[in-house]
PDB file of all heavy atoms in Angstrom:
ATOM      1  N   GLY A   1      -6.547   5.808  -3.547  1.00  0.00           N
ATOM      2  CA  GLY A   1      -6.282   6.905  -4.372  1.00  0.00           C
ATOM      3  C   GLY A   1      -5.165   6.579  -5.356  1.00  0.00           C
ATOM      4  O   GLY A   1      -4.650   5.536  -5.366  1.00  0.00           O
ATOM      5  N   THR A   2      -4.965   7.563  -6.242  1.00  0.00           N
ATOM      6  CA  THR A   2      -3.845   7.502  -7.189  1.00  0.00           C
ATOM      7  C   THR A   2      -3.215   8.833  -7.301  1.00  0.00           C
ATOM      8  O   THR A   2      -3.904   9.856  -7.356  1.00  0.00           O
ATOM      9  CB  THR A   2      -4.426   7.091  -8.582  1.00  0.00           C
ATOM     10  OG1 THR A   2      -5.118   5.846  -8.512  1.00  0.00           O
ATOM     11  CG2 THR A   2      -3.308   6.938  -9.630  1.00  0.00           C
ATOM     12  N   VAL A   3      -1.914   8.822  -7.302  1.00  0.00           N
ATOM     13  CA  VAL A   3      -1.162  10.064  -7.450  1.00  0.00           C
ATOM     14  C   VAL A   3      -0.001   9.806  -8.419  1.00  0.00           C
ATOM     15  O   VAL A   3       0.790   8.795  -8.210  1.00  0.00           O
ATOM     16  CB  VAL A   3      -0.714  10.681  -6.139  1.00  0.00           C
ATOM     17  CG1 VAL A   3       0.262   9.786  -5.382  1.00  0.00           C
ATOM     18  CG2 VAL A   3      -0.040  12.058  -6.330  1.00  0.00           C
ATOM     19  N   ASP A   4       0.222  10.576  -9.397  1.00  0.00           N
ATOM     20  CA  ASP A   4       1.253  10.437 -10.384  1.00  0.00           C
ATOM     21  C   ASP A   4       1.381   9.031 -10.856  1.00  0.00           C
ATOM     22  O   ASP A   4       2.480   8.489 -11.121  1.00  0.00           O
ATOM     23  CB  ASP A   4       2.587  10.861  -9.749  1.00  0.00           C
ATOM     24  CG  ASP A   4       2.639  12.366  -9.405  1.00  0.00           C
ATOM     25  OD1 ASP A   4       2.046  13.132 -10.082  1.00  0.00           O
ATOM     26  OD2 ASP A   4       3.339  12.647  -8.427  1.00  0.00           O
ATOM     27  N   GLY A   5       0.288   8.353 -11.056  1.00  0.00           N
ATOM     28  CA  GLY A   5       0.236   7.046 -11.597  1.00  0.00           C
ATOM     29  C   GLY A   5       0.507   5.907 -10.565  1.00  0.00           C
ATOM     30  O   GLY A   5       0.661   4.721 -10.960  1.00  0.00           O
ATOM     31  N   THR A   6       0.536   6.283  -9.318  1.00  0.00           N
ATOM     32  CA  THR A   6       0.763   5.336  -8.213  1.00  0.00           C
ATOM     33  C   THR A   6      -0.601   5.088  -7.520  1.00  0.00           C
ATOM     34  O   THR A   6      -1.109   6.033  -6.891  1.00  0.00           O
ATOM     35  CB  THR A   6       1.766   5.798  -7.231  1.00  0.00           C
ATOM     36  OG1 THR A   6       3.003   5.967  -7.886  1.00  0.00           O
ATOM     37  CG2 THR A   6       1.960   4.857  -6.084  1.00  0.00           C
ATOM     38  N   ALA A   7      -1.008   3.808  -7.541  1.00  0.00           N
ATOM     39  CA  ALA A   7      -2.235   3.403  -6.845  1.00  0.00           C
ATOM     40  C   ALA A   7      -1.842   3.089  -5.375  1.00  0.00           C
ATOM     41  O   ALA A   7      -0.941   2.361  -5.099  1.00  0.00           O
ATOM     42  CB  ALA A   7      -2.877   2.249  -7.533  1.00  0.00           C
ATOM     43  N   TYR A   8      -2.630   3.640  -4.473  1.00  0.00           N
ATOM     44  CA  TYR A   8      -2.313   3.404  -3.040  1.00  0.00           C
ATOM     45  C   TYR A   8      -3.566   3.333  -2.161  1.00  0.00           C
ATOM     46  O   TYR A   8      -4.652   3.651  -2.575  1.00  0.00           O
ATOM     47  CB  TYR A   8      -1.435   4.584  -2.478  1.00  0.00           C
ATOM     48  CG  TYR A   8      -2.126   5.963  -2.442  1.00  0.00           C
ATOM     49  CD1 TYR A   8      -2.787   6.302  -1.295  1.00  0.00           C
ATOM     50  CD2 TYR A   8      -2.163   6.790  -3.505  1.00  0.00           C
ATOM     51  CE1 TYR A   8      -3.515   7.515  -1.206  1.00  0.00           C
ATOM     52  CE2 TYR A   8      -2.782   8.049  -3.482  1.00  0.00           C
ATOM     53  CZ  TYR A   8      -3.481   8.330  -2.295  1.00  0.00           C
ATOM     54  OH  TYR A   8      -4.111   9.538  -2.278  1.00  0.00           O
ATOM     55  N   THR A   9      -3.319   2.773  -0.998  1.00  0.00           N
ATOM     56  CA  THR A   9      -4.413   2.685  -0.017  1.00  0.00           C
ATOM     57  C   THR A   9      -3.854   3.120   1.420  1.00  0.00           C
ATOM     58  O   THR A   9      -2.757   2.750   1.726  1.00  0.00           O
ATOM     59  CB  THR A   9      -4.983   1.242   0.143  1.00  0.00           C
ATOM     60  OG1 THR A   9      -5.381   0.845  -1.219  1.00  0.00           O
ATOM     61  CG2 THR A   9      -6.066   1.108   1.112  1.00  0.00           C
ATOM     62  N   VAL A  10      -4.607   3.851   2.082  1.00  0.00           N
ATOM     63  CA  VAL A  10      -4.292   4.274   3.489  1.00  0.00           C
ATOM     64  C   VAL A  10      -5.355   3.820   4.437  1.00  0.00           C
ATOM     65  O   VAL A  10      -6.601   4.121   4.146  1.00  0.00           O
ATOM     66  CB  VAL A  10      -4.068   5.828   3.570  1.00  0.00           C
ATOM     67  CG1 VAL A  10      -3.694   6.162   5.008  1.00  0.00           C
ATOM     68  CG2 VAL A  10      -3.027   6.354   2.602  1.00  0.00           C
ATOM     69  N   VAL A  11      -5.020   3.145   5.480  1.00  0.00           N
ATOM     70  CA  VAL A  11      -6.020   2.607   6.407  1.00  0.00           C
ATOM     71  C   VAL A  11      -5.490   2.868   7.869  1.00  0.00           C
ATOM     72  O   VAL A  11      -4.288   2.745   8.183  1.00  0.00           O
ATOM     73  CB  VAL A  11      -6.172   1.082   6.230  1.00  0.00           C
ATOM     74  CG1 VAL A  11      -7.195   0.489   7.232  1.00  0.00           C
ATOM     75  CG2 VAL A  11      -6.598   0.742   4.880  1.00  0.00           C
ATOM     76  N   GLY A  12      -6.405   3.244   8.746  1.00  0.00           N
ATOM     77  CA  GLY A  12      -6.047   3.411  10.140  1.00  0.00           C
ATOM     78  C   GLY A  12      -5.449   4.812  10.449  1.00  0.00           C
ATOM     79  O   GLY A  12      -5.260   5.625   9.635  1.00  0.00           O
ATOM     80  N   THR A  13      -5.121   4.942  11.748  1.00  0.00           N
ATOM     81  CA  THR A  13      -4.557   6.195  12.250  1.00  0.00           C
ATOM     82  C   THR A  13      -3.456   5.821  13.213  1.00  0.00           C
ATOM     83  O   THR A  13      -3.377   4.807  13.807  1.00  0.00           O
ATOM     84  CB  THR A  13      -5.604   7.137  12.955  1.00  0.00           C
ATOM     85  OG1 THR A  13      -6.103   6.374  14.063  1.00  0.00           O
ATOM     86  CG2 THR A  13      -6.678   7.553  12.012  1.00  0.00           C
ATOM     87  N   GLY A  14      -2.537   6.809  13.422  1.00  0.00           N
ATOM     88  CA  GLY A  14      -1.407   6.594  14.272  1.00  0.00           C
ATOM     89  C   GLY A  14      -0.109   6.705  13.589  1.00  0.00           C
ATOM     90  O   GLY A  14      -0.019   7.357  12.479  1.00  0.00           O
ATOM     91  N   GLU A  15       0.942   6.167  14.170  1.00  0.00           N
ATOM     92  CA  GLU A  15       2.327   6.223  13.525  1.00  0.00           C
ATOM     93  C   GLU A  15       2.210   5.579  12.116  1.00  0.00           C
ATOM     94  O   GLU A  15       1.751   4.406  12.073  1.00  0.00           O
ATOM     95  CB  GLU A  15       3.326   5.557  14.371  1.00  0.00           C
ATOM     96  CG  GLU A  15       3.568   6.215  15.731  1.00  0.00           C
ATOM     97  CD  GLU A  15       4.329   7.559  15.558  1.00  0.00           C
ATOM     98  OE1 GLU A  15       5.149   7.654  14.706  1.00  0.00           O
ATOM     99  OE2 GLU A  15       4.073   8.427  16.288  1.00  0.00           O
ATOM    100  N   PRO A  16       2.752   6.198  11.096  1.00  0.00           N
ATOM    101  CA  PRO A  16       2.581   5.562   9.723  1.00  0.00           C
ATOM    102  C   PRO A  16       3.589   4.378   9.553  1.00  0.00           C
ATOM    103  O   PRO A  16       4.729   4.396  10.102  1.00  0.00           O
ATOM    104  CB  PRO A  16       3.069   6.727   8.807  1.00  0.00           C
ATOM    105  CG  PRO A  16       2.987   8.014   9.582  1.00  0.00           C
ATOM    106  CD  PRO A  16       3.208   7.537  11.127  1.00  0.00           C
ATOM    107  N   VAL A  17       3.038   3.361   8.956  1.00  0.00           N
ATOM    108  CA  VAL A  17       3.829   2.215   8.483  1.00  0.00           C
ATOM    109  C   VAL A  17       3.532   1.976   7.009  1.00  0.00           C
ATOM    110  O   VAL A  17       2.381   2.000   6.573  1.00  0.00           O
ATOM    111  CB  VAL A  17       3.351   0.986   9.252  1.00  0.00           C
ATOM    112  CG1 VAL A  17       4.081  -0.262   8.724  1.00  0.00           C
ATOM    113  CG2 VAL A  17       3.625   1.120  10.722  1.00  0.00           C
ATOM    114  N   VAL A  18       4.596   1.866   6.237  1.00  0.00           N
ATOM    115  CA  VAL A  18       4.531   1.671   4.796  1.00  0.00           C
ATOM    116  C   VAL A  18       4.947   0.196   4.482  1.00  0.00           C
ATOM    117  O   VAL A  18       6.012  -0.201   5.004  1.00  0.00           O
ATOM    118  CB  VAL A  18       5.376   2.656   3.985  1.00  0.00           C
ATOM    119  CG1 VAL A  18       5.199   2.363   2.455  1.00  0.00           C
ATOM    120  CG2 VAL A  18       5.121   4.048   4.333  1.00  0.00           C
ATOM    121  N   LEU A  19       4.094  -0.588   3.699  1.00  0.00           N
ATOM    122  CA  LEU A  19       4.427  -1.883   3.360  1.00  0.00           C
ATOM    123  C   LEU A  19       4.689  -1.980   1.830  1.00  0.00           C
ATOM    124  O   LEU A  19       3.815  -1.550   1.036  1.00  0.00           O
ATOM    125  CB  LEU A  19       3.257  -2.832   3.750  1.00  0.00           C
ATOM    126  CG  LEU A  19       2.880  -2.773   5.225  1.00  0.00           C
ATOM    127  CD1 LEU A  19       1.619  -3.647   5.473  1.00  0.00           C
ATOM    128  CD2 LEU A  19       4.045  -3.238   6.161  1.00  0.00           C
ATOM    129  N   VAL A  20       5.805  -2.469   1.394  1.00  0.00           N
ATOM    130  CA  VAL A  20       6.282  -2.435   0.021  1.00  0.00           C
ATOM    131  C   VAL A  20       6.323  -3.882  -0.439  1.00  0.00           C
ATOM    132  O   VAL A  20       7.123  -4.640   0.031  1.00  0.00           O
ATOM    133  CB  VAL A  20       7.597  -1.728  -0.169  1.00  0.00           C
ATOM    134  CG1 VAL A  20       7.874  -1.657  -1.662  1.00  0.00           C
ATOM    135  CG2 VAL A  20       7.547  -0.326   0.485  1.00  0.00           C
ATOM    136  N   HIS A  21       5.532  -4.304  -1.385  1.00  0.00           N
ATOM    137  CA  HIS A  21       5.444  -5.622  -1.932  1.00  0.00           C
ATOM    138  C   HIS A  21       6.601  -5.974  -2.879  1.00  0.00           C
ATOM    139  O   HIS A  21       7.369  -5.089  -3.316  1.00  0.00           O
ATOM    140  CB  HIS A  21       4.144  -5.922  -2.610  1.00  0.00           C
ATOM    141  CG  HIS A  21       3.922  -5.150  -3.860  1.00  0.00           C
ATOM    142  ND1 HIS A  21       4.469  -5.529  -5.062  1.00  0.00           N
ATOM    143  CD2 HIS A  21       3.200  -3.980  -4.073  1.00  0.00           C
ATOM    144  CE1 HIS A  21       4.081  -4.714  -6.013  1.00  0.00           C
ATOM    145  NE2 HIS A  21       3.359  -3.711  -5.468  1.00  0.00           N
ATOM    146  N   GLY A  22       6.722  -7.262  -3.208  1.00  0.00           N
ATOM    147  CA  GLY A  22       7.768  -7.710  -4.033  1.00  0.00           C
ATOM    148  C   GLY A  22       7.347  -7.834  -5.482  1.00  0.00           C
ATOM    149  O   GLY A  22       6.158  -7.545  -5.892  1.00  0.00           O
ATOM    150  N   VAL A  23       8.208  -8.370  -6.378  1.00  0.00           N
ATOM    151  CA  VAL A  23       7.956  -8.531  -7.805  1.00  0.00           C
ATOM    152  C   VAL A  23       6.734  -9.441  -8.025  1.00  0.00           C
ATOM    153  O   VAL A  23       6.644 -10.489  -7.356  1.00  0.00           O
ATOM    154  CB  VAL A  23       9.168  -9.086  -8.477  1.00  0.00           C
ATOM    155  CG1 VAL A  23       8.851  -9.468  -9.960  1.00  0.00           C
ATOM    156  CG2 VAL A  23      10.301  -8.050  -8.422  1.00  0.00           C
ATOM    157  N   GLY A  24       5.882  -9.105  -8.981  1.00  0.00           N
ATOM    158  CA  GLY A  24       4.799  -9.934  -9.329  1.00  0.00           C
ATOM    159  C   GLY A  24       3.645  -9.869  -8.404  1.00  0.00           C
ATOM    160  O   GLY A  24       2.695 -10.633  -8.541  1.00  0.00           O
ATOM    161  N   MET A  25       3.637  -9.026  -7.383  1.00  0.00           N
ATOM    162  CA  MET A  25       2.575  -8.900  -6.438  1.00  0.00           C
ATOM    163  C   MET A  25       1.927  -7.539  -6.491  1.00  0.00           C
ATOM    164  O   MET A  25       2.310  -6.714  -7.382  1.00  0.00           O
ATOM    165  CB  MET A  25       3.212  -9.121  -5.041  1.00  0.00           C
ATOM    166  CG  MET A  25       3.886 -10.392  -4.762  1.00  0.00           C
ATOM    167  SD  MET A  25       4.613 -10.485  -3.147  1.00  0.00           S
ATOM    168  CE  MET A  25       5.304 -12.109  -3.187  1.00  0.00           C
ATOM    169  N   THR A  26       0.940  -7.264  -5.676  1.00  0.00           N
ATOM    170  CA  THR A  26       0.335  -6.008  -5.543  1.00  0.00           C
ATOM    171  C   THR A  26       0.177  -5.704  -4.068  1.00  0.00           C
ATOM    172  O   THR A  26       0.470  -6.559  -3.198  1.00  0.00           O
ATOM    173  CB  THR A  26      -1.067  -5.981  -6.183  1.00  0.00           C
ATOM    174  OG1 THR A  26      -1.934  -6.814  -5.472  1.00  0.00           O
ATOM    175  CG2 THR A  26      -1.018  -6.423  -7.688  1.00  0.00           C
ATOM    176  N   GLN A  27      -0.402  -4.506  -3.806  1.00  0.00           N
ATOM    177  CA  GLN A  27      -0.583  -4.088  -2.448  1.00  0.00           C
ATOM    178  C   GLN A  27      -1.534  -5.074  -1.693  1.00  0.00           C
ATOM    179  O   GLN A  27      -1.461  -5.191  -0.471  1.00  0.00           O
ATOM    180  CB  GLN A  27      -1.134  -2.657  -2.355  1.00  0.00           C
ATOM    181  CG  GLN A  27      -2.471  -2.458  -3.079  1.00  0.00           C
ATOM    182  CD  GLN A  27      -2.940  -1.083  -3.069  1.00  0.00           C
ATOM    183  OE1 GLN A  27      -3.362  -0.513  -1.967  1.00  0.00           O
ATOM    184  NE2 GLN A  27      -2.855  -0.361  -4.169  1.00  0.00           N
ATOM    185  N   ALA A  28      -2.373  -5.809  -2.448  1.00  0.00           N
ATOM    186  CA  ALA A  28      -3.272  -6.744  -1.762  1.00  0.00           C
ATOM    187  C   ALA A  28      -2.633  -7.808  -1.043  1.00  0.00           C
ATOM    188  O   ALA A  28      -3.221  -8.389  -0.121  1.00  0.00           O
ATOM    189  CB  ALA A  28      -4.212  -7.335  -2.815  1.00  0.00           C
ATOM    190  N   VAL A  29      -1.348  -8.182  -1.357  1.00  0.00           N
ATOM    191  CA  VAL A  29      -0.620  -9.236  -0.704  1.00  0.00           C
ATOM    192  C   VAL A  29      -0.518  -8.907   0.834  1.00  0.00           C
ATOM    193  O   VAL A  29      -0.398  -9.786   1.679  1.00  0.00           O
ATOM    194  CB  VAL A  29       0.720  -9.488  -1.319  1.00  0.00           C
ATOM    195  CG1 VAL A  29       1.684  -8.402  -0.987  1.00  0.00           C
ATOM    196  CG2 VAL A  29       1.313 -10.765  -0.883  1.00  0.00           C
ATOM    197  N   TRP A  30      -0.504  -7.667   1.208  1.00  0.00           N
ATOM    198  CA  TRP A  30      -0.333  -7.242   2.583  1.00  0.00           C
ATOM    199  C   TRP A  30      -1.656  -7.177   3.405  1.00  0.00           C
ATOM    200  O   TRP A  30      -1.659  -6.794   4.510  1.00  0.00           O
ATOM    201  CB  TRP A  30       0.202  -5.795   2.637  1.00  0.00           C
ATOM    202  CG  TRP A  30       1.641  -5.706   2.119  1.00  0.00           C
ATOM    203  CD1 TRP A  30       2.069  -5.176   1.005  1.00  0.00           C
ATOM    204  CD2 TRP A  30       2.783  -6.185   2.825  1.00  0.00           C
ATOM    205  NE1 TRP A  30       3.450  -5.192   0.872  1.00  0.00           N
ATOM    206  CE2 TRP A  30       3.943  -5.851   2.023  1.00  0.00           C
ATOM    207  CE3 TRP A  30       3.000  -6.854   4.054  1.00  0.00           C
ATOM    208  CZ2 TRP A  30       5.232  -6.188   2.364  1.00  0.00           C
ATOM    209  CZ3 TRP A  30       4.318  -7.160   4.334  1.00  0.00           C
ATOM    210  CH2 TRP A  30       5.400  -6.855   3.544  1.00  0.00           C
ATOM    211  N   GLU A  31      -2.784  -7.624   2.806  1.00  0.00           N
ATOM    212  CA  GLU A  31      -4.084  -7.492   3.454  1.00  0.00           C
ATOM    213  C   GLU A  31      -4.158  -8.031   4.936  1.00  0.00           C
ATOM    214  O   GLU A  31      -4.594  -7.277   5.818  1.00  0.00           O
ATOM    215  CB  GLU A  31      -5.185  -8.163   2.632  1.00  0.00           C
ATOM    216  CG  GLU A  31      -6.533  -7.881   3.166  1.00  0.00           C
ATOM    217  CD  GLU A  31      -7.610  -8.393   2.174  1.00  0.00           C
ATOM    218  OE1 GLU A  31      -7.428  -8.370   0.980  1.00  0.00           O
ATOM    219  OE2 GLU A  31      -8.698  -8.898   2.722  1.00  0.00           O
ATOM    220  N   PRO A  32      -3.598  -9.245   5.170  1.00  0.00           N
ATOM    221  CA  PRO A  32      -3.642  -9.708   6.598  1.00  0.00           C
ATOM    222  C   PRO A  32      -2.895  -8.729   7.569  1.00  0.00           C
ATOM    223  O   PRO A  32      -3.318  -8.538   8.709  1.00  0.00           O
ATOM    224  CB  PRO A  32      -3.001 -11.072   6.545  1.00  0.00           C
ATOM    225  CG  PRO A  32      -3.197 -11.533   5.141  1.00  0.00           C
ATOM    226  CD  PRO A  32      -3.066 -10.226   4.313  1.00  0.00           C
TER     227      PRO A  32
END
């Protein structure tokens, strides 16, 4: 989804964990 110009992905259920990437990367870096 996208909210207020922020592209995001939510996968799975349970306790939430947020992964924040570094400079020059995207959320895809966290795929593994």
